[in-house]
Amino acid sequence: MKAQIPELDWPYYPQPKQAEAWENMHPYSAPTVNGYGAAKFGGKSYNIRAISMMHAFARPLHIAIFARSYDQLKDLHIETIKAEMSAFIDAGKMKWNANDKQFRVTETGSVIKFI
């Protein structure tokens, strides 16, 4: 008997403050590097995750997300991505490598690395 894969629902739908930040951050005109910074609670973390996931699932990319400490990355991004994208991880469409501190999208080969 073949195991059933749960339906995969995209988890990123911005709240009003996040949507405002999204408009400022995306779309971009294909630069090689994007950097974001602003006041606290402006929706940056959400948008960084959402934009990274959207592009990583669309085409092969290497994405780096930086923070001052690994604890910040873990709390703001890594654990949150694991929760938000759990259906994709369970379906094998995304894999977490703790040693390299990176997610890999299996279909596109995209890498999201945390530095």
PDB file of N, CA and C in Angstrom:
ATOM      1  N   MET A   1       0.830  -1.168   0.000  1.00  0.00           N
ATOM      2  CA  MET A   1       0.000   0.000   0.000  1.00  0.00           C
ATOM      3  C   MET A   1       0.888   1.249   0.000  1.00  0.00           C
ATOM      4  N   LYS A   2       0.574   2.191  -0.874  1.00  0.00           N
ATOM      5  CA  LYS A   2       1.374   3.402  -1.030  1.00  0.00           C
ATOM      6  C   LYS A   2       0.966   4.442   0.015  1.00  0.00           C
ATOM      7  N   ALA A   3       1.975   5.039   0.651  1.00  0.00           N
ATOM      8  CA  ALA A   3       1.696   6.076   1.651  1.00  0.00           C
ATOM      9  C   ALA A   3       1.150   7.320   0.965  1.00  0.00           C
ATOM     10  N   GLN A   4       0.184   7.953   1.584  1.00  0.00           N
ATOM     11  CA  GLN A   4      -0.392   9.166   1.023  1.00  0.00           C
ATOM     12  C   GLN A   4       0.404  10.392   1.476  1.00  0.00           C
ATOM     13  N   ILE A   5       0.638  11.280   0.539  1.00  0.00           N
ATOM     14  CA  ILE A   5       1.319  12.530   0.855  1.00  0.00           C
ATOM     15  C   ILE A   5       0.242  13.559   1.157  1.00  0.00           C
ATOM     16  N   PRO A   6       0.364  14.249   2.293  1.00  0.00           N
ATOM     17  CA  PRO A   6      -0.659  15.248   2.623  1.00  0.00           C
ATOM     18  C   PRO A   6      -0.663  16.384   1.598  1.00  0.00           C
ATOM     19  N   GLU A   7      -1.810  17.031   1.437  1.00  0.00           N
ATOM     20  CA  GLU A   7      -1.889  18.163   0.525  1.00  0.00           C
ATOM     21  C   GLU A   7      -0.989  19.273   1.038  1.00  0.00           C
ATOM     22  N   LEU A   8      -0.240  19.882   0.137  1.00  0.00           N
ATOM     23  CA  LEU A   8       0.729  20.892   0.533  1.00  0.00           C
ATOM     24  C   LEU A   8       0.123  22.280   0.357  1.00  0.00           C
ATOM     25  N   ASP A   9      -0.106  22.970   1.468  1.00  0.00           N
ATOM     26  CA  ASP A   9      -0.627  24.324   1.449  1.00  0.00           C
ATOM     27  C   ASP A   9       0.518  25.302   1.664  1.00  0.00           C
ATOM     28  N   TRP A  10       0.622  26.287   0.778  1.00  0.00           N
ATOM     29  CA  TRP A  10       1.664  27.303   0.913  1.00  0.00           C
ATOM     30  C   TRP A  10       1.385  28.121   2.164  1.00  0.00           C
ATOM     31  N   PRO A  11       2.337  28.218   3.103  1.00  0.00           N
ATOM     32  CA  PRO A  11       2.057  28.838   4.406  1.00  0.00           C
ATOM     33  C   PRO A  11       2.218  30.348   4.468  1.00  0.00           C
ATOM     34  N   TYR A  12       2.614  30.983   3.372  1.00  0.00           N
ATOM     35  CA  TYR A  12       2.952  32.400   3.444  1.00  0.00           C
ATOM     36  C   TYR A  12       1.859  33.286   2.857  1.00  0.00           C
ATOM     37  N   TYR A  13       1.076  33.895   3.740  1.00  0.00           N
ATOM     38  CA  TYR A  13       0.064  34.883   3.383  1.00  0.00           C
ATOM     39  C   TYR A  13       0.248  36.043   4.354  1.00  0.00           C
ATOM     40  N   PRO A  14       0.749  37.186   3.856  1.00  0.00           N
ATOM     41  CA  PRO A  14       1.148  38.269   4.769  1.00  0.00           C
ATOM     42  C   PRO A  14      -0.004  39.002   5.439  1.00  0.00           C
ATOM     43  N   GLN A  15       0.255  39.434   6.660  1.00  0.00           N
ATOM     44  CA  GLN A  15      -0.620  40.342   7.385  1.00  0.00           C
ATOM     45  C   GLN A  15      -0.387  41.745   6.814  1.00  0.00           C
ATOM     46  N   PRO A  16      -1.241  42.738   7.139  1.00  0.00           N
ATOM     47  CA  PRO A  16      -1.097  44.073   6.537  1.00  0.00           C
ATOM     48  C   PRO A  16       0.297  44.698   6.678  1.00  0.00           C
ATOM     49  N   LYS A  17       0.879  44.634   7.857  1.00  0.00           N
ATOM     50  CA  LYS A  17       2.215  45.218   8.060  1.00  0.00           C
ATOM     51  C   LYS A  17       3.258  44.461   7.233  1.00  0.00           C
ATOM     52  N   GLN A  18       3.115  43.136   7.158  1.00  0.00           N
ATOM     53  CA  GLN A  18       4.029  42.322   6.368  1.00  0.00           C
ATOM     54  C   GLN A  18       3.847  42.597   4.879  1.00  0.00           C
ATOM     55  N   ALA A  19       2.603  42.799   4.437  1.00  0.00           N
ATOM     56  CA  ALA A  19       2.331  43.096   3.033  1.00  0.00           C
ATOM     57  C   ALA A  19       2.970  44.422   2.624  1.00  0.00           C
ATOM     58  N   GLU A  20       2.942  45.407   3.531  1.00  0.00           N
ATOM     59  CA  GLU A  20       3.578  46.692   3.257  1.00  0.00           C
ATOM     60  C   GLU A  20       5.089  46.513   3.084  1.00  0.00           C
ATOM     61  N   ALA A  21       5.691  45.729   3.963  1.00  0.00           N
ATOM     62  CA  ALA A  21       7.128  45.458   3.855  1.00  0.00           C
ATOM     63  C   ALA A  21       7.425  44.663   2.584  1.00  0.00           C
ATOM     64  N   TRP A  22       6.534  43.741   2.219  1.00  0.00           N
ATOM     65  CA  TRP A  22       6.705  42.923   1.012  1.00  0.00           C
ATOM     66  C   TRP A  22       6.800  43.830  -0.207  1.00  0.00           C
ATOM     67  N   GLU A  23       5.928  44.838  -0.276  1.00  0.00           N
ATOM     68  CA  GLU A  23       5.932  45.758  -1.417  1.00  0.00           C
ATOM     69  C   GLU A  23       7.264  46.486  -1.524  1.00  0.00           C
ATOM     70  N   ASN A  24       7.880  46.783  -0.388  1.00  0.00           N
ATOM     71  CA  ASN A  24       9.172  47.466  -0.394  1.00  0.00           C
ATOM     72  C   ASN A  24      10.324  46.523  -0.722  1.00  0.00           C
ATOM     73  N   MET A  25      10.164  45.227  -0.441  1.00  0.00           N
ATOM     74  CA  MET A  25      11.245  44.267  -0.609  1.00  0.00           C
ATOM     75  C   MET A  25      11.172  43.483  -1.916  1.00  0.00           C
ATOM     76  N   HIS A  26       9.993  43.394  -2.498  1.00  0.00           N
ATOM     77  CA  HIS A  26       9.797  42.504  -3.629  1.00  0.00           C
ATOM     78  C   HIS A  26       8.707  43.058  -4.516  1.00  0.00           C
ATOM     79  N   PRO A  27       8.662  42.958  -5.798  1.00  0.00           N
ATOM     80  CA  PRO A  27       9.654  42.224  -6.589  1.00  0.00           C
ATOM     81  C   PRO A  27      10.925  43.049  -6.795  1.00  0.00           C
ATOM     82  N   TYR A  28      11.978  42.373  -7.086  1.00  0.00           N
ATOM     83  CA  TYR A  28      13.229  43.040  -7.367  1.00  0.00           C
ATOM     84  C   TYR A  28      13.586  42.779  -8.824  1.00  0.00           C
ATOM     85  N   SER A  29      14.485  43.536  -9.345  1.00  0.00           N
ATOM     86  CA  SER A  29      14.821  43.424 -10.759  1.00  0.00           C
ATOM     87  C   SER A  29      16.099  42.630 -10.966  1.00  0.00           C
ATOM     88  N   ALA A  30      16.105  41.413 -10.493  1.00  0.00           N
ATOM     89  CA  ALA A  30      17.168  40.430 -10.708  1.00  0.00           C
ATOM     90  C   ALA A  30      18.580  40.849 -10.304  1.00  0.00           C
ATOM     91  N   PRO A  31      18.779  41.527  -9.170  1.00  0.00           N
ATOM     92  CA  PRO A  31      20.155  41.747  -8.727  1.00  0.00           C
ATOM     93  C   PRO A  31      20.726  40.456  -8.141  1.00  0.00           C
ATOM     94  N   THR A  32      22.007  40.427  -7.966  1.00  0.00           N
ATOM     95  CA  THR A  32      22.620  39.228  -7.407  1.00  0.00           C
ATOM     96  C   THR A  32      22.584  39.224  -5.890  1.00  0.00           C
ATOM     97  N   VAL A  33      22.436  40.397  -5.277  1.00  0.00           N
ATOM     98  CA  VAL A  33      22.409  40.476  -3.816  1.00  0.00           C
ATOM     99  C   VAL A  33      21.281  41.410  -3.398  1.00  0.00           C
ATOM    100  N   ASN A  34      20.486  40.980  -2.440  1.00  0.00           N
ATOM    101  CA  ASN A  34      19.466  41.821  -1.831  1.00  0.00           C
ATOM    102  C   ASN A  34      19.752  41.893  -0.351  1.00  0.00           C
ATOM    103  N   GLY A  35      19.649  43.075   0.228  1.00  0.00           N
ATOM    104  CA  GLY A  35      19.820  43.237   1.663  1.00  0.00           C
ATOM    105  C   GLY A  35      18.641  44.003   2.225  1.00  0.00           C
ATOM    106  N   TYR A  36      18.186  43.608   3.396  1.00  0.00           N
ATOM    107  CA  TYR A  36      17.028  44.239   4.006  1.00  0.00           C
ATOM    108  C   TYR A  36      17.350  44.633   5.442  1.00  0.00           C
ATOM    109  N   GLY A  37      16.909  45.798   5.809  1.00  0.00           N
ATOM    110  CA  GLY A  37      17.073  46.250   7.176  1.00  0.00           C
ATOM    111  C   GLY A  37      16.041  47.324   7.462  1.00  0.00           C
ATOM    112  N   ALA A  38      15.521  47.347   8.644  1.00  0.00           N
ATOM    113  CA  ALA A  38      14.529  48.354   9.028  1.00  0.00           C
ATOM    114  C   ALA A  38      14.280  48.238  10.523  1.00  0.00           C
ATOM    115  N   ALA A  39      13.286  48.978  10.989  1.00  0.00           N
ATOM    116  CA  ALA A  39      12.952  48.965  12.410  1.00  0.00           C
ATOM    117  C   ALA A  39      12.402  47.602  12.832  1.00  0.00           C
ATOM    118  N   LYS A  40      12.476  47.353  14.120  1.00  0.00           N
ATOM    119  CA  LYS A  40      11.963  46.117  14.698  1.00  0.00           C
ATOM    120  C   LYS A  40      10.455  46.012  14.471  1.00  0.00           C
ATOM    121  N   PHE A  41       9.959  44.803  14.282  1.00  0.00           N
ATOM    122  CA  PHE A  41       8.542  44.481  14.088  1.00  0.00           C
ATOM    123  C   PHE A  41       7.984  45.039  12.781  1.00  0.00           C
ATOM    124  N   GLY A  42       8.820  45.137  11.760  1.00  0.00           N
ATOM    125  CA  GLY A  42       8.358  45.636  10.469  1.00  0.00           C
ATOM    126  C   GLY A  42       8.019  44.546   9.477  1.00  0.00           C
ATOM    127  N   GLY A  43       8.107  43.297   9.878  1.00  0.00           N
ATOM    128  CA  GLY A  43       7.770  42.194   8.982  1.00  0.00           C
ATOM    129  C   GLY A  43       8.940  41.644   8.189  1.00  0.00           C
ATOM    130  N   LYS A  44      10.172  42.034   8.527  1.00  0.00           N
ATOM    131  CA  LYS A  44      11.338  41.588   7.769  1.00  0.00           C
ATOM    132  C   LYS A  44      11.530  40.074   7.813  1.00  0.00           C
ATOM    133  N   SER A  45      11.469  39.485   8.984  1.00  0.00           N
ATOM    134  CA  SER A  45      11.732  38.047   9.113  1.00  0.00           C
ATOM    135  C   SER A  45      10.738  37.240   8.298  1.00  0.00           C
ATOM    136  N   TYR A  46       9.480  37.579   8.408  1.00  0.00           N
ATOM    137  CA  TYR A  46       8.442  36.884   7.639  1.00  0.00           C
ATOM    138  C   TYR A  46       8.727  37.004   6.145  1.00  0.00           C
ATOM    139  N   ASN A  47       8.989  38.234   5.688  1.00  0.00           N
ATOM    140  CA  ASN A  47       9.210  38.451   4.267  1.00  0.00           C
ATOM    141  C   ASN A  47      10.484  37.791   3.770  1.00  0.00           C
ATOM    142  N   ILE A  48      11.528  37.791   4.587  1.00  0.00           N
ATOM    143  CA  ILE A  48      12.761  37.109   4.189  1.00  0.00           C
ATOM    144  C   ILE A  48      12.485  35.624   3.983  1.00  0.00           C
ATOM    145  N   ARG A  49      11.739  35.013   4.908  1.00  0.00           N
ATOM    146  CA  ARG A  49      11.397  33.594   4.753  1.00  0.00           C
ATOM    147  C   ARG A  49      10.514  33.365   3.530  1.00  0.00           C
ATOM    148  N   ALA A  50       9.471  34.174   3.383  1.00  0.00           N
ATOM    149  CA  ALA A  50       8.518  33.981   2.291  1.00  0.00           C
ATOM    150  C   ALA A  50       9.177  34.181   0.931  1.00  0.00           C
ATOM    151  N   ILE A  51       9.945  35.253   0.780  1.00  0.00           N
ATOM    152  CA  ILE A  51      10.606  35.527  -0.500  1.00  0.00           C
ATOM    153  C   ILE A  51      11.643  34.448  -0.804  1.00  0.00           C
ATOM    154  N   SER A  52      12.390  34.031   0.212  1.00  0.00           N
ATOM    155  CA  SER A  52      13.385  32.972   0.009  1.00  0.00           C
ATOM    156  C   SER A  52      12.732  31.680  -0.450  1.00  0.00           C
ATOM    157  N   MET A  53      11.652  31.294   0.220  1.00  0.00           N
ATOM    158  CA  MET A  53      10.959  30.056  -0.155  1.00  0.00           C
ATOM    159  C   MET A  53      10.377  30.156  -1.566  1.00  0.00           C
ATOM    160  N   MET A  54       9.767  31.286  -1.873  1.00  0.00           N
ATOM    161  CA  MET A  54       9.153  31.459  -3.190  1.00  0.00           C
ATOM    162  C   MET A  54      10.200  31.292  -4.295  1.00  0.00           C
ATOM    163  N   HIS A  55      11.334  31.952  -4.144  1.00  0.00           N
ATOM    164  CA  HIS A  55      12.369  31.865  -5.169  1.00  0.00           C
ATOM    165  C   HIS A  55      13.067  30.510  -5.171  1.00  0.00           C
ATOM    166  N   ALA A  56      13.275  29.932  -4.002  1.00  0.00           N
ATOM    167  CA  ALA A  56      13.950  28.635  -3.919  1.00  0.00           C
ATOM    168  C   ALA A  56      13.131  27.529  -4.586  1.00  0.00           C
ATOM    169  N   PHE A  57      11.805  27.616  -4.496  1.00  0.00           N
ATOM    170  CA  PHE A  57      10.959  26.605  -5.120  1.00  0.00           C
ATOM    171  C   PHE A  57      10.758  26.875  -6.611  1.00  0.00           C
ATOM    172  N   ALA A  58      11.101  28.084  -7.082  1.00  0.00           N
ATOM    173  CA  ALA A  58      10.890  28.443  -8.480  1.00  0.00           C
ATOM    174  C   ALA A  58      12.079  28.089  -9.379  1.00  0.00           C
ATOM    175  N   ARG A  59      13.298  28.190  -8.850  1.00  0.00           N
ATOM    176  CA  ARG A  59      14.482  27.952  -9.675  1.00  0.00           C
ATOM    177  C   ARG A  59      15.678  27.673  -8.779  1.00  0.00           C
ATOM    178  N   PRO A  60      16.741  27.109  -9.325  1.00  0.00           N
ATOM    179  CA  PRO A  60      17.918  26.798  -8.501  1.00  0.00           C
ATOM    180  C   PRO A  60      18.667  28.063  -8.088  1.00  0.00           C
ATOM    181  N   LEU A  61      18.806  28.250  -6.781  1.00  0.00           N
ATOM    182  CA  LEU A  61      19.486  29.411  -6.220  1.00  0.00           C
ATOM    183  C   LEU A  61      20.282  29.020  -4.992  1.00  0.00           C
ATOM    184  N   HIS A  62      21.233  29.856  -4.652  1.00  0.00           N
ATOM    185  CA  HIS A  62      21.917  29.771  -3.362  1.00  0.00           C
ATOM    186  C   HIS A  62      21.539  31.019  -2.602  1.00  0.00           C
ATOM    187  N   ILE A  63      20.886  30.838  -1.466  1.00  0.00           N
ATOM    188  CA  ILE A  63      20.385  31.935  -0.660  1.00  0.00           C
ATOM    189  C   ILE A  63      21.080  31.879   0.695  1.00  0.00           C
ATOM    190  N   ALA A  64      21.552  33.024   1.167  1.00  0.00           N
ATOM    191  CA  ALA A  64      22.173  33.100   2.487  1.00  0.00           C
ATOM    192  C   ALA A  64      21.382  34.082   3.341  1.00  0.00           C
ATOM    193  N   ILE A  65      21.052  33.660   4.549  1.00  0.00           N
ATOM    194  CA  ILE A  65      20.368  34.507   5.514  1.00  0.00           C
ATOM    195  C   ILE A  65      21.338  34.718   6.678  1.00  0.00           C
ATOM    196  N   PHE A  66      21.630  35.979   6.965  1.00  0.00           N
ATOM    197  CA  PHE A  66      22.626  36.330   7.971  1.00  0.00           C
ATOM    198  C   PHE A  66      21.966  36.882   9.226  1.00  0.00           C
ATOM    199  N   ALA A  67      22.625  36.672  10.362  1.00  0.00           N
ATOM    200  CA  ALA A  67      22.229  37.285  11.625  1.00  0.00           C
ATOM    201  C   ALA A  67      23.481  37.409  12.490  1.00  0.00           C
ATOM    202  N   ARG A  68      23.353  38.162  13.565  1.00  0.00           N
ATOM    203  CA  ARG A  68      24.495  38.354  14.460  1.00  0.00           C
ATOM    204  C   ARG A  68      24.895  37.066  15.165  1.00  0.00           C
ATOM    205  N   SER A  69      23.892  36.241  15.513  1.00  0.00           N
ATOM    206  CA  SER A  69      24.201  34.999  16.215  1.00  0.00           C
ATOM    207  C   SER A  69      23.346  33.858  15.667  1.00  0.00           C
ATOM    208  N   TYR A  70      23.840  32.654  15.856  1.00  0.00           N
ATOM    209  CA  TYR A  70      23.095  31.479  15.402  1.00  0.00           C
ATOM    210  C   TYR A  70      21.778  31.353  16.152  1.00  0.00           C
ATOM    211  N   ASP A  71      21.760  31.746  17.428  1.00  0.00           N
ATOM    212  CA  ASP A  71      20.519  31.680  18.209  1.00  0.00           C
ATOM    213  C   ASP A  71      19.423  32.535  17.575  1.00  0.00           C
ATOM    214  N   GLN A  72      19.793  33.717  17.056  1.00  0.00           N
ATOM    215  CA  GLN A  72      18.816  34.558  16.364  1.00  0.00           C
ATOM    216  C   GLN A  72      18.300  33.857  15.114  1.00  0.00           C
ATOM    217  N   LEU A  73      19.203  33.266  14.349  1.00  0.00           N
ATOM    218  CA  LEU A  73      18.798  32.540  13.142  1.00  0.00           C
ATOM    219  C   LEU A  73      17.873  31.383  13.492  1.00  0.00           C
ATOM    220  N   LYS A  74      18.247  30.658  14.536  1.00  0.00           N
ATOM    221  CA  LYS A  74      17.456  29.498  14.929  1.00  0.00           C
ATOM    222  C   LYS A  74      16.050  29.913  15.354  1.00  0.00           C
ATOM    223  N   ASP A  75      15.956  30.932  16.196  1.00  0.00           N
ATOM    224  CA  ASP A  75      14.652  31.365  16.709  1.00  0.00           C
ATOM    225  C   ASP A  75      13.795  32.038  15.639  1.00  0.00           C
ATOM    226  N   LEU A  76      14.395  32.948  14.873  1.00  0.00           N
ATOM    227  CA  LEU A  76      13.629  33.739  13.911  1.00  0.00           C
ATOM    228  C   LEU A  76      13.351  33.023  12.598  1.00  0.00           C
ATOM    229  N   HIS A  77      14.260  32.136  12.175  1.00  0.00           N
ATOM    230  CA  HIS A  77      14.122  31.568  10.839  1.00  0.00           C
ATOM    231  C   HIS A  77      14.081  30.042  10.798  1.00  0.00           C
ATOM    232  N   ILE A  78      15.081  29.398  11.344  1.00  0.00           N
ATOM    233  CA  ILE A  78      15.206  27.950  11.155  1.00  0.00           C
ATOM    234  C   ILE A  78      14.015  27.197  11.740  1.00  0.00           C
ATOM    235  N   GLU A  79      13.751  27.393  13.023  1.00  0.00           N
ATOM    236  CA  GLU A  79      12.635  26.671  13.654  1.00  0.00           C
ATOM    237  C   GLU A  79      11.286  27.093  13.052  1.00  0.00           C
ATOM    238  N   THR A  80      11.179  28.364  12.689  1.00  0.00           N
ATOM    239  CA  THR A  80       9.938  28.849  12.086  1.00  0.00           C
ATOM    240  C   THR A  80       9.726  28.223  10.717  1.00  0.00           C
ATOM    241  N   ILE A  81      10.783  28.133   9.910  1.00  0.00           N
ATOM    242  CA  ILE A  81      10.667  27.488   8.594  1.00  0.00           C
ATOM    243  C   ILE A  81      10.297  26.027   8.767  1.00  0.00           C
ATOM    244  N   LYS A  82      10.916  25.363   9.741  1.00  0.00           N
ATOM    245  CA  LYS A  82      10.572  23.954   9.981  1.00  0.00           C
ATOM    246  C   LYS A  82       9.086  23.800  10.279  1.00  0.00           C
ATOM    247  N   ALA A  83       8.524  24.734  11.056  1.00  0.00           N
ATOM    248  CA  ALA A  83       7.098  24.664  11.390  1.00  0.00           C
ATOM    249  C   ALA A  83       6.231  25.049  10.200  1.00  0.00           C
ATOM    250  N   GLU A  84       6.564  26.155   9.532  1.00  0.00           N
ATOM    251  CA  GLU A  84       5.754  26.638   8.415  1.00  0.00           C
ATOM    252  C   GLU A  84       5.788  25.690   7.227  1.00  0.00           C
ATOM    253  N   MET A  85       6.914  25.086   6.989  1.00  0.00           N
ATOM    254  CA  MET A  85       7.088  24.226   5.813  1.00  0.00           C
ATOM    255  C   MET A  85       7.078  22.746   6.180  1.00  0.00           C
ATOM    256  N   SER A  86       6.511  22.389   7.313  1.00  0.00           N
ATOM    257  CA  SER A  86       6.549  20.995   7.778  1.00  0.00           C
ATOM    258  C   SER A  86       5.927  20.039   6.771  1.00  0.00           C
ATOM    259  N   ALA A  87       4.856  20.428   6.103  1.00  0.00           N
ATOM    260  CA  ALA A  87       4.232  19.542   5.109  1.00  0.00           C
ATOM    261  C   ALA A  87       5.179  19.283   3.945  1.00  0.00           C
ATOM    262  N   PHE A  88       5.947  20.307   3.546  1.00  0.00           N
ATOM    263  CA  PHE A  88       6.905  20.161   2.450  1.00  0.00           C
ATOM    264  C   PHE A  88       8.087  19.294   2.884  1.00  0.00           C
ATOM    265  N   ILE A  89       8.506  19.449   4.130  1.00  0.00           N
ATOM    266  CA  ILE A  89       9.597  18.633   4.663  1.00  0.00           C
ATOM    267  C   ILE A  89       9.151  17.173   4.760  1.00  0.00           C
ATOM    268  N   ASP A  90       7.944  16.950   5.285  1.00  0.00           N
ATOM    269  CA  ASP A  90       7.410  15.590   5.406  1.00  0.00           C
ATOM    270  C   ASP A  90       7.241  14.933   4.043  1.00  0.00           C
ATOM    271  N   ALA A  91       6.916  15.720   3.020  1.00  0.00           N
ATOM    272  CA  ALA A  91       6.718  15.187   1.668  1.00  0.00           C
ATOM    273  C   ALA A  91       8.042  14.988   0.927  1.00  0.00           C
ATOM    274  N   GLY A  92       9.149  15.392   1.544  1.00  0.00           N
ATOM    275  CA  GLY A  92      10.456  15.206   0.925  1.00  0.00           C
ATOM    276  C   GLY A  92      10.812  16.292  -0.082  1.00  0.00           C
ATOM    277  N   LYS A  93      10.063  17.369  -0.120  1.00  0.00           N
ATOM    278  CA  LYS A  93      10.344  18.451  -1.069  1.00  0.00           C
ATOM    279  C   LYS A  93      11.401  19.419  -0.537  1.00  0.00           C
ATOM    280  N   MET A  94      11.633  19.355   0.767  1.00  0.00           N
ATOM    281  CA  MET A  94      12.654  20.166   1.425  1.00  0.00           C
ATOM    282  C   MET A  94      13.366  19.308   2.449  1.00  0.00           C
ATOM    283  N   LYS A  95      14.673  19.528   2.586  1.00  0.00           N
ATOM    284  CA  LYS A  95      15.434  18.779   3.585  1.00  0.00           C
ATOM    285  C   LYS A  95      16.293  19.740   4.389  1.00  0.00           C
ATOM    286  N   TRP A  96      16.377  19.490   5.702  1.00  0.00           N
ATOM    287  CA  TRP A  96      17.205  20.272   6.606  1.00  0.00           C
ATOM    288  C   TRP A  96      18.472  19.498   6.900  1.00  0.00           C
ATOM    289  N   ASN A  97      19.633  20.147   6.757  1.00  0.00           N
ATOM    290  CA  ASN A  97      20.911  19.556   7.100  1.00  0.00           C
ATOM    291  C   ASN A  97      21.479  20.369   8.262  1.00  0.00           C
ATOM    292  N   ALA A  98      21.426  19.793   9.465  1.00  0.00           N
ATOM    293  CA  ALA A  98      21.860  20.512  10.666  1.00  0.00           C
ATOM    294  C   ALA A  98      23.365  20.772  10.665  1.00  0.00           C
ATOM    295  N   ASN A  99      24.150  19.851  10.111  1.00  0.00           N
ATOM    296  CA  ASN A  99      25.602  20.042  10.091  1.00  0.00           C
ATOM    297  C   ASN A  99      26.002  21.246   9.247  1.00  0.00           C
ATOM    298  N   ASP A 100      25.369  21.407   8.091  1.00  0.00           N
ATOM    299  CA  ASP A 100      25.689  22.513   7.197  1.00  0.00           C
ATOM    300  C   ASP A 100      24.830  23.743   7.448  1.00  0.00           C
ATOM    301  N   LYS A 101      23.852  23.626   8.356  1.00  0.00           N
ATOM    302  CA  LYS A 101      22.917  24.711   8.668  1.00  0.00           C
ATOM    303  C   LYS A 101      22.261  25.241   7.401  1.00  0.00           C
ATOM    304  N   GLN A 102      21.618  24.321   6.671  1.00  0.00           N
ATOM    305  CA  GLN A 102      20.974  24.722   5.429  1.00  0.00           C
ATOM    306  C   GLN A 102      19.780  23.841   5.089  1.00  0.00           C
ATOM    307  N   PHE A 103      18.837  24.454   4.395  1.00  0.00           N
ATOM    308  CA  PHE A 103      17.731  23.728   3.795  1.00  0.00           C
ATOM    309  C   PHE A 103      18.065  23.529   2.331  1.00  0.00           C
ATOM    310  N   ARG A 104      17.630  22.404   1.769  1.00  0.00           N
ATOM    311  CA  ARG A 104      17.785  22.150   0.337  1.00  0.00           C
ATOM    312  C   ARG A 104      16.411  21.819  -0.229  1.00  0.00           C
ATOM    313  N   VAL A 105      16.053  22.477  -1.320  1.00  0.00           N
ATOM    314  CA  VAL A 105      14.817  22.173  -2.032  1.00  0.00           C
ATOM    315  C   VAL A 105      15.160  21.087  -3.039  1.00  0.00           C
ATOM    316  N   THR A 106      14.553  19.924  -2.887  1.00  0.00           N
ATOM    317  CA  THR A 106      14.961  18.767  -3.686  1.00  0.00           C
ATOM    318  C   THR A 106      14.646  18.909  -5.166  1.00  0.00           C
ATOM    319  N   GLU A 107      13.552  19.561  -5.525  1.00  0.00           N
ATOM    320  CA  GLU A 107      13.163  19.651  -6.935  1.00  0.00           C
ATOM    321  C   GLU A 107      14.025  20.627  -7.728  1.00  0.00           C
ATOM    322  N   THR A 108      14.421  21.725  -7.126  1.00  0.00           N
ATOM    323  CA  THR A 108      15.192  22.732  -7.852  1.00  0.00           C
ATOM    324  C   THR A 108      16.684  22.701  -7.517  1.00  0.00           C
ATOM    325  N   GLY A 109      17.031  22.095  -6.386  1.00  0.00           N
ATOM    326  CA  GLY A 109      18.424  22.084  -5.950  1.00  0.00           C
ATOM    327  C   GLY A 109      18.823  23.355  -5.215  1.00  0.00           C
ATOM    328  N   SER A 110      17.870  24.235  -4.944  1.00  0.00           N
ATOM    329  CA  SER A 110      18.161  25.476  -4.228  1.00  0.00           C
ATOM    330  C   SER A 110      18.637  25.176  -2.818  1.00  0.00           C
ATOM    331  N   VAL A 111      19.524  26.035  -2.333  1.00  0.00           N
ATOM    332  CA  VAL A 111      20.072  25.919  -0.984  1.00  0.00           C
ATOM    333  C   VAL A 111      19.784  27.221  -0.255  1.00  0.00           C
ATOM    334  N   ILE A 112      19.255  27.099   0.965  1.00  0.00           N
ATOM    335  CA  ILE A 112      19.043  28.251   1.841  1.00  0.00           C
ATOM    336  C   ILE A 112      19.941  28.044   3.048  1.00  0.00           C
ATOM    337  N   LYS A 113      21.019  28.810   3.118  1.00  0.00           N
ATOM    338  CA  LYS A 113      22.035  28.637   4.148  1.00  0.00           C
ATOM    339  C   LYS A 113      21.914  29.740   5.190  1.00  0.00           C
ATOM    340  N   PHE A 114      22.217  29.385   6.429  1.00  0.00           N
ATOM    341  CA  PHE A 114      22.095  30.320   7.559  1.00  0.00           C
ATOM    342  C   PHE A 114      23.484  30.597   8.113  1.00  0.00           C
ATOM    343  N   ILE A 115      23.865  31.873   8.119  1.00  0.00           N
ATOM    344  CA  ILE A 115      25.234  32.273   8.476  1.00  0.00           C
ATOM    345  C   ILE A 115      25.173  33.325   9.570  1.00  0.00           C
TER     346      ILE A 115
END
